[in-house]
C-alpha atoms as a PDB file:
ATOM      1  CA  MET A   1      79.659  89.566 147.367  1.00  0.00           C
ATOM      2  CA  ASN A   2      81.053  92.320 145.562  1.00  0.00           C
ATOM      3  CA  GLU A   3      80.119  93.999 141.614  1.00  0.00           C
ATOM      4  CA  LYS A   4      83.590  92.134 140.509  1.00  0.00           C
ATOM      5  CA  ASP A   5      81.946  88.898 142.066  1.00  0.00           C
ATOM      6  CA  GLU A   6      78.731  89.442 140.330  1.00  0.00           C
ATOM      7  CA  LEU A   7      80.075  90.309 136.918  1.00  0.00           C
ATOM      8  CA  TRP A   8      83.263  88.173 136.613  1.00  0.00           C
ATOM      9  CA  VAL A   9      83.306  83.889 137.072  1.00  0.00           C
ATOM     10  CA  ASN A  10      86.746  82.808 137.651  1.00  0.00           C
ATOM     11  CA  TYR A  11      88.387  86.409 137.442  1.00  0.00           C
ATOM     12  CA  ASP A  12      91.014  85.485 140.055  1.00  0.00           C
ATOM     13  CA  ARG A  13      92.271  82.131 138.482  1.00  0.00           C
ATOM     14  CA  ALA A  14      92.438  83.877 134.805  1.00  0.00           C
ATOM     15  CA  MET A  15      94.340  86.718 135.968  1.00  0.00           C
ATOM     16  CA  ALA A  16      96.770  84.437 137.807  1.00  0.00           C
ATOM     17  CA  VAL A  17      97.129  82.367 134.876  1.00  0.00           C
ATOM     18  CA  VAL A  18      97.991  85.612 132.867  1.00  0.00           C
ATOM     19  CA  ARG A  19     100.457  86.827 135.036  1.00  0.00           C
ATOM     20  CA  GLY A  20     102.519  82.813 135.490  1.00  0.00           C
ATOM     21  CA  LEU A  21     102.607  82.585 131.478  1.00  0.00           C
ATOM     22  CA  PRO A  22     106.292  82.429 130.743  1.00  0.00           C
ATOM     23  CA  ASP A  23     105.939  83.629 127.111  1.00  0.00           C
ATOM     24  CA  LEU A  24     106.214  87.585 127.393  1.00  0.00           C
ATOM     25  CA  ALA A  25     104.457  87.782 123.700  1.00  0.00           C
ATOM     26  CA  GLU A  26     101.413  85.584 124.786  1.00  0.00           C
ATOM     27  CA  ARG A  27     101.311  87.115 128.512  1.00  0.00           C
ATOM     28  CA  GLN A  28     100.585  90.654 126.242  1.00  0.00           C
ATOM     29  CA  PHE A  29      98.395  89.142 123.947  1.00  0.00           C
ATOM     30  CA  VAL A  30      95.964  87.927 126.533  1.00  0.00           C
ATOM     31  CA  MET A  31      96.385  90.735 128.526  1.00  0.00           C
ATOM     32  CA  ARG A  32      95.349  92.900 125.439  1.00  0.00           C
ATOM     33  CA  ALA A  33      92.127  90.651 125.109  1.00  0.00           C
ATOM     34  CA  VAL A  34      91.562  90.316 128.941  1.00  0.00           C
ATOM     35  CA  THR A  35      91.745  94.406 128.863  1.00  0.00           C
ATOM     36  CA  ALA A  36      89.394  94.760 125.990  1.00  0.00           C
ATOM     37  CA  ALA A  37      86.855  92.791 127.566  1.00  0.00           C
ATOM     38  CA  ILE A  38      87.190  94.533 131.078  1.00  0.00           C
ATOM     39  CA  THR A  39      86.722  97.275 129.265  1.00  0.00           C
ATOM     40  CA  GLN A  40      83.586  96.688 127.330  1.00  0.00           C
ATOM     41  CA  VAL A  41      82.369  96.177 130.395  1.00  0.00           C
ATOM     42  CA  ALA A  42      83.398  99.485 131.940  1.00  0.00           C
ATOM     43  CA  THR A  43      81.666 101.411 129.161  1.00  0.00           C
ATOM     44  CA  GLY A  44      78.366  99.456 129.949  1.00  0.00           C
ATOM     45  CA  LYS A  45      78.323  96.436 127.443  1.00  0.00           C
ATOM     46  CA  ALA A  46      78.313  93.795 130.287  1.00  0.00           C
ATOM     47  CA  PRO A  47      77.039  90.648 129.350  1.00  0.00           C
ATOM     48  CA  SER A  48      73.863  89.469 130.338  1.00  0.00           C
ATOM     49  CA  ASN A  49      75.317  86.469 132.461  1.00  0.00           C
ATOM     50  CA  PRO A  50      78.315  86.650 134.512  1.00  0.00           C
ATOM     51  CA  PHE A  51      81.612  86.384 132.029  1.00  0.00           C
ATOM     52  CA  ASP A  52      83.502  83.669 132.413  1.00  0.00           C
ATOM     53  CA  LEU A  53      87.052  85.111 132.493  1.00  0.00           C
ATOM     54  CA  LEU A  54      89.124  81.917 132.958  1.00  0.00           C
ATOM     55  CA  PHE A  55      87.597  80.265 129.997  1.00  0.00           C
ATOM     56  CA  PHE A  56      88.257  83.424 128.044  1.00  0.00           C
ATOM     57  CA  VAL A  57      91.681  83.233 128.828  1.00  0.00           C
ATOM     58  CA  GLN A  58      92.147  79.701 127.670  1.00  0.00           C
ATOM     59  CA  THR A  59      90.301  80.384 124.508  1.00  0.00           C
ATOM     60  CA  VAL A  60      92.492  83.477 124.050  1.00  0.00           C
ATOM     61  CA  ARG A  61      95.732  81.025 124.781  1.00  0.00           C
ATOM     62  CA  ASP A  62      94.241  78.849 121.896  1.00  0.00           C
ATOM     63  CA  LEU A  63      93.786  81.332 119.396  1.00  0.00           C
ATOM     64  CA  PHE A  64      97.529  82.911 120.443  1.00  0.00           C
ATOM     65  CA  ALA A  65      98.976  79.197 119.685  1.00  0.00           C
ATOM     66  CA  GLN A  66      97.948  79.840 116.406  1.00  0.00           C
ATOM     67  CA  LYS A  67     100.331  82.790 115.299  1.00  0.00           C
ATOM     68  CA  GLU A  68     101.761  82.097 112.290  1.00  0.00           C
ATOM     69  CA  ASN A  69      98.076  82.014 110.739  1.00  0.00           C
ATOM     70  CA  LEU A  70      97.424  85.250 112.757  1.00  0.00           C
ATOM     71  CA  VAL A  71     100.319  86.588 111.152  1.00  0.00           C
ATOM     72  CA  ARG A  72      99.179  85.342 107.644  1.00  0.00           C
ATOM     73  CA  VAL A  73      95.574  87.163 108.127  1.00  0.00           C
ATOM     74  CA  PHE A  74      97.241  90.165 109.245  1.00  0.00           C
ATOM     75  CA  LYS A  75      99.057  90.581 106.121  1.00  0.00           C
ATOM     76  CA  GLY A  76      95.718  89.862 104.171  1.00  0.00           C
ATOM     77  CA  GLU A  77      95.953  86.361 103.533  1.00  0.00           C
ATOM     78  CA  ASP A  78      92.653  84.520 103.072  1.00  0.00           C
ATOM     79  CA  LEU A  79      93.012  81.456 105.059  1.00  0.00           C
ATOM     80  CA  ARG A  80      89.175  80.384 105.177  1.00  0.00           C
ATOM     81  CA  TRP A  81      88.100  76.664 104.406  1.00  0.00           C
ATOM     82  CA  TRP A  82      85.057  77.961 103.089  1.00  0.00           C
ATOM     83  CA  THR A  83      84.948  81.432 101.050  1.00  0.00           C
ATOM     84  CA  ASP A  84      81.534  83.671 100.827  1.00  0.00           C
ATOM     85  CA  ALA A  85      81.609  82.527  97.050  1.00  0.00           C
END
């Protein structure tokens, strides 16, 4: 077992999903999230348990599916269901 196997669950399957995404914008968005996770690990901020990268990729894909709302949030719109008040 190598270090990659000890840190990541489903690494190869996750990367295959990312490489297979037909939408360039989605592929770039998901890969940026994967890179951010890998960077966290590389800088010593690894999770206490192996990280399921396939689950993470699917979660980020679900987030990307909300891109219209993400654009609104990035423009400063408050889309929370409940406010802090």
